[in-house]
Every structure is written in structure tokens, then in C-alpha cells.
């Protein structure tokens, strides 16, 4: 979950984890750019990966790239 363009209260992250039955990892900007982005792509080659962006991801310039 992108945690740097929009902040989400911790209790809402816990509620989401309970709802979907999966761990939600909070990601910093460095996790989504450069080497961090490459790690996500490498992981996605082996398993399903979801990037949750709060709000409108089409106006978050980092995610457009």
C-alpha cells in the first residue's frame, strides 16, 4: 500500500488486512521507485502482486511512470 502520497490510519490498515485475509505492507517512496520498483516487478514474475493507491492513482505522478 502506497503510504507516502496519502496517509491511512493504522486501524484502517488493520481492518483491511482482516477483511482480505492478507498482510498489507506499507510502502515508502523508495519502495516504489528505482531499485524498489524493480524488486516489485521481480516478485510479480513469481506471484500475484497488488499495489493499492489511496485516491486517484492517475494523478499520482510517481505511479504514472
PDB file of N, CA and C in Angstrom:
ATOM      1  N   UNK A   1       0.848  -1.168   0.000  1.00  0.00           N
ATOM      2  CA  UNK A   1       0.000   0.000   0.000  1.00  0.00           C
ATOM      3  C   UNK A   1       0.896   1.234   0.000  1.00  0.00           C
ATOM      4  N   UNK A   2       0.681   2.077  -0.987  1.00  0.00           N
ATOM      5  CA  UNK A   2       1.394   3.351  -1.067  1.00  0.00           C
ATOM      6  C   UNK A   2       1.052   4.160   0.176  1.00  0.00           C
ATOM      7  N   UNK A   3       2.069   4.486   0.956  1.00  0.00           N
ATOM      8  CA  UNK A   3       1.845   5.172   2.226  1.00  0.00           C
ATOM      9  C   UNK A   3       2.488   6.550   2.246  1.00  0.00           C
ATOM     10  N   UNK A   4       2.982   7.010   1.101  1.00  0.00           N
ATOM     11  CA  UNK A   4       3.621   8.327   1.136  1.00  0.00           C
ATOM     12  C   UNK A   4       2.819   9.388   0.401  1.00  0.00           C
ATOM     13  N   UNK A   5       1.995   9.036  -0.576  1.00  0.00           N
ATOM     14  CA  UNK A   5       1.195  10.072  -1.231  1.00  0.00           C
ATOM     15  C   UNK A   5      -0.094  10.343  -0.467  1.00  0.00           C
ATOM     16  N   UNK A   6      -0.565   9.365   0.304  1.00  0.00           N
ATOM     17  CA  UNK A   6      -1.742   9.533   1.161  1.00  0.00           C
ATOM     18  C   UNK A   6      -1.528   8.717   2.429  1.00  0.00           C
ATOM     19  N   UNK A   7      -1.774   9.345   3.551  1.00  0.00           N
ATOM     20  CA  UNK A   7      -1.630   8.645   4.826  1.00  0.00           C
ATOM     21  C   UNK A   7      -2.952   7.966   5.182  1.00  0.00           C
ATOM     22  N   UNK A   8      -2.839   6.766   5.725  1.00  0.00           N
ATOM     23  CA  UNK A   8      -4.008   5.992   6.122  1.00  0.00           C
ATOM     24  C   UNK A   8      -3.837   5.636   7.597  1.00  0.00           C
ATOM     25  N   UNK A   9      -4.865   5.862   8.411  1.00  0.00           N
ATOM     26  CA  UNK A   9      -4.766   5.493   9.821  1.00  0.00           C
ATOM     27  C   UNK A   9      -4.477   4.004   9.993  1.00  0.00           C
ATOM     28  N   UNK A  10      -3.641   3.678  10.973  1.00  0.00           N
ATOM     29  CA  UNK A  10      -3.214   2.291  11.189  1.00  0.00           C
ATOM     30  C   UNK A  10      -4.397   1.357  11.406  1.00  0.00           C
ATOM     31  N   UNK A  11      -5.422   1.830  12.113  1.00  0.00           N
ATOM     32  CA  UNK A  11      -6.579   0.950  12.359  1.00  0.00           C
ATOM     33  C   UNK A  11      -7.290   0.585  11.051  1.00  0.00           C
ATOM     34  N   UNK A  12      -7.239   1.469  10.048  1.00  0.00           N
ATOM     35  CA  UNK A  12      -7.853   1.153   8.761  1.00  0.00           C
ATOM     36  C   UNK A  12      -7.026   0.118   7.999  1.00  0.00           C
ATOM     37  N   UNK A  13      -5.705   0.157   8.148  1.00  0.00           N
ATOM     38  CA  UNK A  13      -4.846  -0.856   7.531  1.00  0.00           C
ATOM     39  C   UNK A  13      -5.147  -2.212   8.160  1.00  0.00           C
ATOM     40  N   UNK A  14      -5.271  -2.244   9.482  1.00  0.00           N
ATOM     41  CA  UNK A  14      -5.586  -3.492  10.173  1.00  0.00           C
ATOM     42  C   UNK A  14      -6.957  -4.019   9.762  1.00  0.00           C
ATOM     43  N   UNK A  15      -7.921  -3.115   9.597  1.00  0.00           N
ATOM     44  CA  UNK A  15      -9.253  -3.522   9.167  1.00  0.00           C
ATOM     45  C   UNK A  15      -9.215  -4.109   7.749  1.00  0.00           C
ATOM     46  N   UNK A  16      -8.435  -3.498   6.870  1.00  0.00           N
ATOM     47  CA  UNK A  16      -8.293  -4.010   5.511  1.00  0.00           C
ATOM     48  C   UNK A  16      -7.670  -5.401   5.530  1.00  0.00           C
ATOM     49  N   UNK A  17      -6.632  -5.595   6.339  1.00  0.00           N
ATOM     50  CA  UNK A  17      -5.992  -6.912   6.440  1.00  0.00           C
ATOM     51  C   UNK A  17      -6.983  -7.968   6.908  1.00  0.00           C
ATOM     52  N   UNK A  18      -7.806  -7.607   7.887  1.00  0.00           N
ATOM     53  CA  UNK A  18      -8.824  -8.554   8.385  1.00  0.00           C
ATOM     54  C   UNK A  18      -9.841  -8.868   7.300  1.00  0.00           C
ATOM     55  N   UNK A  19     -10.215  -7.857   6.545  1.00  0.00           N
ATOM     56  CA  UNK A  19     -11.216  -8.010   5.503  1.00  0.00           C
ATOM     57  C   UNK A  19     -10.739  -8.917   4.373  1.00  0.00           C
ATOM     58  N   UNK A  20      -9.477  -8.753   3.941  1.00  0.00           N
ATOM     59  CA  UNK A  20      -8.985  -9.524   2.798  1.00  0.00           C
ATOM     60  C   UNK A  20      -8.207 -10.778   3.198  1.00  0.00           C
ATOM     61  N   UNK A  21      -7.868 -10.881   4.478  1.00  0.00           N
ATOM     62  CA  UNK A  21      -7.145 -12.056   4.944  1.00  0.00           C
ATOM     63  C   UNK A  21      -5.709 -12.130   4.448  1.00  0.00           C
ATOM     64  N   UNK A  22      -5.131 -10.991   4.148  1.00  0.00           N
ATOM     65  CA  UNK A  22      -3.749 -10.915   3.653  1.00  0.00           C
ATOM     66  C   UNK A  22      -2.992  -9.826   4.407  1.00  0.00           C
ATOM     67  N   UNK A  23      -1.666  -9.960   4.423  1.00  0.00           N
ATOM     68  CA  UNK A  23      -0.825  -8.925   5.007  1.00  0.00           C
ATOM     69  C   UNK A  23      -0.760  -7.734   4.050  1.00  0.00           C
ATOM     70  N   UNK A  24      -0.846  -6.545   4.600  1.00  0.00           N
ATOM     71  CA  UNK A  24      -0.703  -5.323   3.821  1.00  0.00           C
ATOM     72  C   UNK A  24       0.609  -4.672   4.236  1.00  0.00           C
ATOM     73  N   UNK A  25       1.512  -4.497   3.283  1.00  0.00           N
ATOM     74  CA  UNK A  25       2.798  -3.854   3.570  1.00  0.00           C
ATOM     75  C   UNK A  25       2.701  -2.382   3.195  1.00  0.00           C
ATOM     76  N   UNK A  26       3.102  -1.523   4.115  1.00  0.00           N
ATOM     77  CA  UNK A  26       3.110  -0.095   3.846  1.00  0.00           C
ATOM     78  C   UNK A  26       4.408   0.261   3.139  1.00  0.00           C
ATOM     79  N   UNK A  27       4.309   0.933   2.013  1.00  0.00           N
ATOM     80  CA  UNK A  27       5.471   1.220   1.176  1.00  0.00           C
ATOM     81  C   UNK A  27       5.819   2.706   1.188  1.00  0.00           C
ATOM     82  N   UNK A  28       7.104   2.976   1.273  1.00  0.00           N
ATOM     83  CA  UNK A  28       7.634   4.339   1.183  1.00  0.00           C
ATOM     84  C   UNK A  28       7.926   4.654  -0.280  1.00  0.00           C
ATOM     85  N   UNK A  29       8.252   5.888  -0.538  1.00  0.00           N
ATOM     86  CA  UNK A  29       8.579   6.308  -1.903  1.00  0.00           C
ATOM     87  C   UNK A  29       9.722   5.465  -2.471  1.00  0.00           C
ATOM     88  N   UNK A  30      10.743   5.211  -1.670  1.00  0.00           N
ATOM     89  CA  UNK A  30      11.899   4.446  -2.145  1.00  0.00           C
ATOM     90  C   UNK A  30      11.532   2.999  -2.504  1.00  0.00           C
ATOM     91  N   UNK A  31      10.427   2.500  -1.938  1.00  0.00           N
ATOM     92  CA  UNK A  31       9.969   1.150  -2.282  1.00  0.00           C
ATOM     93  C   UNK A  31       9.307   1.103  -3.655  1.00  0.00           C
ATOM     94  N   UNK A  32       8.914   2.273  -4.173  1.00  0.00           N
ATOM     95  CA  UNK A  32       8.148   2.333  -5.415  1.00  0.00           C
ATOM     96  C   UNK A  32       8.920   2.934  -6.578  1.00  0.00           C
ATOM     97  N   UNK A  33      10.143   3.345  -6.340  1.00  0.00           N
ATOM     98  CA  UNK A  33      10.962   3.949  -7.390  1.00  0.00           C
ATOM     99  C   UNK A  33      12.301   3.219  -7.490  1.00  0.00           C
ATOM    100  N   UNK A  34      12.919   3.283  -8.642  1.00  0.00           N
ATOM    101  CA  UNK A  34      14.265   2.726  -8.826  1.00  0.00           C
ATOM    102  C   UNK A  34      14.346   1.260  -8.474  1.00  0.00           C
ATOM    103  N   UNK A  35      15.307   0.920  -7.638  1.00  0.00           N
ATOM    104  CA  UNK A  35      15.536  -0.478  -7.253  1.00  0.00           C
ATOM    105  C   UNK A  35      14.331  -1.079  -6.542  1.00  0.00           C
ATOM    106  N   UNK A  36      13.633  -0.255  -5.775  1.00  0.00           N
ATOM    107  CA  UNK A  36      12.429  -0.741  -5.097  1.00  0.00           C
ATOM    108  C   UNK A  36      11.384  -1.222  -6.087  1.00  0.00           C
ATOM    109  N   UNK A  37      11.167  -0.451  -7.144  1.00  0.00           N
ATOM    110  CA  UNK A  37      10.208  -0.833  -8.179  1.00  0.00           C
ATOM    111  C   UNK A  37      10.652  -2.118  -8.871  1.00  0.00           C
ATOM    112  N   UNK A  38      11.946  -2.250  -9.097  1.00  0.00           N
ATOM    113  CA  UNK A  38      12.472  -3.461  -9.737  1.00  0.00           C
ATOM    114  C   UNK A  38      12.187  -4.691  -8.880  1.00  0.00           C
ATOM    115  N   UNK A  39      12.316  -4.553  -7.557  1.00  0.00           N
ATOM    116  CA  UNK A  39      12.012  -5.669  -6.655  1.00  0.00           C
ATOM    117  C   UNK A  39      10.552  -6.082  -6.766  1.00  0.00           C
ATOM    118  N   UNK A  40       9.664  -5.093  -6.877  1.00  0.00           N
ATOM    119  CA  UNK A  40       8.241  -5.397  -7.017  1.00  0.00           C
ATOM    120  C   UNK A  40       7.996  -6.156  -8.317  1.00  0.00           C
ATOM    121  N   UNK A  41       8.603  -5.712  -9.400  1.00  0.00           N
ATOM    122  CA  UNK A  41       8.435  -6.394 -10.688  1.00  0.00           C
ATOM    123  C   UNK A  41       8.982  -7.816 -10.646  1.00  0.00           C
ATOM    124  N   UNK A  42      10.122  -8.010  -9.987  1.00  0.00           N
ATOM    125  CA  UNK A  42      10.693  -9.358  -9.865  1.00  0.00           C
ATOM    126  C   UNK A  42       9.768 -10.256  -9.062  1.00  0.00           C
ATOM    127  N   UNK A  43       9.190  -9.729  -8.001  1.00  0.00           N
ATOM    128  CA  UNK A  43       8.248 -10.500  -7.189  1.00  0.00           C
ATOM    129  C   UNK A  43       7.005 -10.850  -8.003  1.00  0.00           C
ATOM    130  N   UNK A  44       6.539  -9.906  -8.823  1.00  0.00           N
ATOM    131  CA  UNK A  44       5.346 -10.126  -9.641  1.00  0.00           C
ATOM    132  C   UNK A  44       5.553 -11.201 -10.702  1.00  0.00           C
ATOM    133  N   UNK A  45       6.798 -11.491 -11.063  1.00  0.00           N
ATOM    134  CA  UNK A  45       7.068 -12.579 -12.003  1.00  0.00           C
ATOM    135  C   UNK A  45       6.791 -13.936 -11.370  1.00  0.00           C
ATOM    136  N   UNK A  46       6.835 -13.999 -10.027  1.00  0.00           N
ATOM    137  CA  UNK A  46       6.665 -15.266  -9.312  1.00  0.00           C
ATOM    138  C   UNK A  46       5.302 -15.426  -8.649  1.00  0.00           C
ATOM    139  N   UNK A  47       4.651 -14.306  -8.338  1.00  0.00           N
ATOM    140  CA  UNK A  47       3.366 -14.390  -7.636  1.00  0.00           C
ATOM    141  C   UNK A  47       2.540 -13.126  -7.891  1.00  0.00           C
ATOM    142  N   UNK A  48       1.289 -13.177  -7.483  1.00  0.00           N
ATOM    143  CA  UNK A  48       0.393 -12.031  -7.671  1.00  0.00           C
ATOM    144  C   UNK A  48       0.809 -10.892  -6.742  1.00  0.00           C
ATOM    145  N   UNK A  49       0.871  -9.698  -7.291  1.00  0.00           N
ATOM    146  CA  UNK A  49       1.239  -8.502  -6.533  1.00  0.00           C
ATOM    147  C   UNK A  49       0.187  -7.432  -6.801  1.00  0.00           C
ATOM    148  N   UNK A  50      -0.221  -6.746  -5.754  1.00  0.00           N
ATOM    149  CA  UNK A  50      -1.200  -5.667  -5.867  1.00  0.00           C
ATOM    150  C   UNK A  50      -0.601  -4.415  -5.252  1.00  0.00           C
ATOM    151  N   UNK A  51      -0.728  -3.294  -5.940  1.00  0.00           N
ATOM    152  CA  UNK A  51      -0.299  -2.004  -5.396  1.00  0.00           C
ATOM    153  C   UNK A  51      -1.546  -1.182  -5.146  1.00  0.00           C
ATOM    154  N   UNK A  52      -1.840  -0.949  -3.889  1.00  0.00           N
ATOM    155  CA  UNK A  52      -3.012  -0.177  -3.507  1.00  0.00           C
ATOM    156  C   UNK A  52      -2.606   1.274  -3.335  1.00  0.00           C
ATOM    157  N   UNK A  53      -3.263   2.148  -4.089  1.00  0.00           N
ATOM    158  CA  UNK A  53      -3.008   3.581  -4.020  1.00  0.00           C
ATOM    159  C   UNK A  53      -4.291   4.251  -3.560  1.00  0.00           C
ATOM    160  N   UNK A  54      -4.205   4.984  -2.477  1.00  0.00           N
ATOM    161  CA  UNK A  54      -5.371   5.684  -1.953  1.00  0.00           C
ATOM    162  C   UNK A  54      -5.651   6.892  -2.848  1.00  0.00           C
ATOM    163  N   UNK A  55      -6.896   7.100  -3.190  1.00  0.00           N
ATOM    164  CA  UNK A  55      -7.245   8.231  -4.044  1.00  0.00           C
ATOM    165  C   UNK A  55      -7.171   7.845  -5.506  1.00  0.00           C
ATOM    166  N   UNK A  56      -6.762   8.772  -6.333  1.00  0.00           N
ATOM    167  CA  UNK A  56      -6.729   8.571  -7.783  1.00  0.00           C
ATOM    168  C   UNK A  56      -5.293   8.300  -8.244  1.00  0.00           C
ATOM    169  N   UNK A  57      -4.949   7.053  -8.593  1.00  0.00           N
ATOM    170  CA  UNK A  57      -3.577   6.739  -8.984  1.00  0.00           C
ATOM    171  C   UNK A  57      -3.157   7.413 -10.291  1.00  0.00           C
ATOM    172  N   UNK A  58      -4.112   7.881 -11.072  1.00  0.00           N
ATOM    173  CA  UNK A  58      -3.773   8.508 -12.346  1.00  0.00           C
ATOM    174  C   UNK A  58      -3.267   9.941 -12.183  1.00  0.00           C
ATOM    175  N   UNK A  59      -3.438  10.496 -10.986  1.00  0.00           N
ATOM    176  CA  UNK A  59      -2.882  11.830 -10.753  1.00  0.00           C
ATOM    177  C   UNK A  59      -1.674  11.772  -9.826  1.00  0.00           C
ATOM    178  N   UNK A  60      -1.320  10.593  -9.354  1.00  0.00           N
ATOM    179  CA  UNK A  60      -0.095  10.413  -8.565  1.00  0.00           C
ATOM    180  C   UNK A  60       1.045  10.203  -9.542  1.00  0.00           C
ATOM    181  N   UNK A  61       1.836  11.232  -9.802  1.00  0.00           N
ATOM    182  CA  UNK A  61       2.811  11.206 -10.880  1.00  0.00           C
ATOM    183  C   UNK A  61       3.813  10.069 -10.782  1.00  0.00           C
ATOM    184  N   UNK A  62       4.183   9.661  -9.599  1.00  0.00           N
ATOM    185  CA  UNK A  62       5.123   8.551  -9.434  1.00  0.00           C
ATOM    186  C   UNK A  62       4.557   7.287 -10.046  1.00  0.00           C
ATOM    187  N   UNK A  63       3.258   7.062  -9.890  1.00  0.00           N
ATOM    188  CA  UNK A  63       2.652   5.822 -10.362  1.00  0.00           C
ATOM    189  C   UNK A  63       2.375   5.863 -11.862  1.00  0.00           C
ATOM    190  N   UNK A  64       2.288   7.037 -12.423  1.00  0.00           N
ATOM    191  CA  UNK A  64       2.149   7.147 -13.873  1.00  0.00           C
ATOM    192  C   UNK A  64       3.424   6.630 -14.542  1.00  0.00           C
ATOM    193  N   UNK A  65       4.579   6.952 -13.967  1.00  0.00           N
ATOM    194  CA  UNK A  65       5.854   6.499 -14.517  1.00  0.00           C
ATOM    195  C   UNK A  65       5.939   4.997 -14.466  1.00  0.00           C
TER     196      UNK A  65
END
